[in-house]
Protein backbone atom coordinates (compact mmCIF):
# COMPACT_ATOMS: atom_id res chain seq x y z
CA MET A 1 18.00 -2.59 28.25
CA SER A 2 19.06 0.86 27.26
CA ARG A 3 16.79 2.97 25.09
CA TRP A 4 19.06 2.48 22.15
CA GLY A 5 18.68 -1.40 22.52
CA ARG A 6 16.93 -3.60 19.79
CA LYS A 7 13.25 -2.69 19.16
CA ALA A 8 10.73 -5.96 19.46
CA VAL A 9 9.50 -7.21 16.06
CA THR A 10 6.24 -7.29 15.79
CA VAL A 11 4.48 -10.27 13.33
CA VAL A 12 0.92 -9.64 11.93
CA GLU A 13 -0.83 -12.81 10.94
CA TRP A 14 -2.66 -12.38 7.55
CA ASP A 15 -5.31 -14.38 6.18
CA ARG A 16 -4.45 -15.30 2.60
CA ASN A 17 -7.99 -14.29 1.16
CA GLU A 18 -8.05 -11.13 3.21
CA LEU A 19 -4.54 -10.12 1.94
CA ASP A 20 -5.15 -10.58 -1.74
CA ALA A 21 -8.56 -8.74 -1.29
CA SER A 22 -6.66 -6.05 0.25
CA VAL A 23 -4.04 -5.90 -2.62
CA ASN A 24 -6.77 -5.82 -5.21
CA ARG A 25 -8.75 -3.08 -3.75
CA ALA A 26 -5.44 -1.14 -3.17
CA ARG A 27 -4.54 -1.62 -6.90
CA VAL A 28 -8.12 -0.30 -7.95
CA ASP A 29 -7.70 2.58 -5.89
CA TRP A 30 -4.37 3.51 -7.40
CA GLN A 31 -5.62 3.03 -10.98
CA HIS A 32 -8.34 5.33 -9.89
CA ALA A 33 -5.89 8.12 -8.90
CA ARG A 34 -4.19 7.72 -11.96
CA TYR A 35 -7.47 8.27 -13.80
CA LEU A 36 -8.18 11.33 -11.52
CA MET A 37 -4.71 12.84 -12.35
CA ASP A 38 -5.32 12.25 -16.19
CA ILE A 39 -8.72 14.20 -16.19
CA CYS A 40 -7.67 16.88 -13.58
CA GLU A 41 -7.50 20.33 -14.91
CA PRO A 42 -4.12 22.19 -14.21
CA ASP A 43 -5.67 25.06 -12.32
CA GLY A 44 -8.16 23.08 -9.98
CA ARG A 45 -7.23 20.66 -7.09
CA ILE A 46 -4.01 19.27 -8.72
CA ASP A 47 -2.56 19.06 -5.23
CA GLU A 48 -5.19 16.86 -3.90
CA ALA A 49 -4.96 14.70 -6.90
CA ILE A 50 -1.29 14.41 -6.60
CA TYR A 51 -1.32 13.73 -2.86
CA TYR A 52 -3.98 10.80 -3.36
CA LEU A 53 -1.85 9.28 -6.30
CA GLN A 54 1.24 9.33 -4.04
CA LEU A 55 -0.91 7.89 -1.02
CA THR A 56 -2.49 5.10 -2.98
CA GLU A 57 0.68 4.06 -4.82
CA LYS A 58 2.57 3.77 -1.38
CA ARG A 59 -0.51 1.51 0.00
CA TYR A 60 -0.46 -0.50 -3.08
CA MET A 61 3.16 -0.92 -2.91
CA TYR A 62 3.44 -1.88 0.79
CA LEU A 63 0.66 -4.32 0.74
CA LEU A 64 2.25 -6.02 -2.44
CA SER A 65 5.35 -6.53 -0.57
CA GLN A 66 3.32 -7.82 2.32
CA ALA A 67 1.61 -10.15 0.28
CA LYS A 68 5.24 -11.39 -1.37
CA ARG A 69 6.85 -11.97 2.03
CA GLU A 70 3.54 -13.83 3.30
CA ARG A 71 3.92 -16.29 0.40
CA ASP A 72 7.59 -16.64 0.80
CA ARG A 73 7.06 -17.34 4.51
CA GLN A 74 4.31 -19.91 3.81
CA GLN A 75 6.34 -21.67 1.11
CA ALA A 76 9.48 -21.98 3.53
């Protein structure tokens, strides 16, 4: 197969409780990052707070979409 061929799809099996706990933890981390943005002073460490907020938001959205996909797959 050429290097432009189709990539192999990997399937990760999630335990439902484990995935729910990960989503909840990511939500708490995201809320904490939003709080840090609110209390952060403009002249001190604002760049780190913005980075942390974006990082936690992306992680939360990813895990949330994984949980939705997993539930759809289990209901099908």
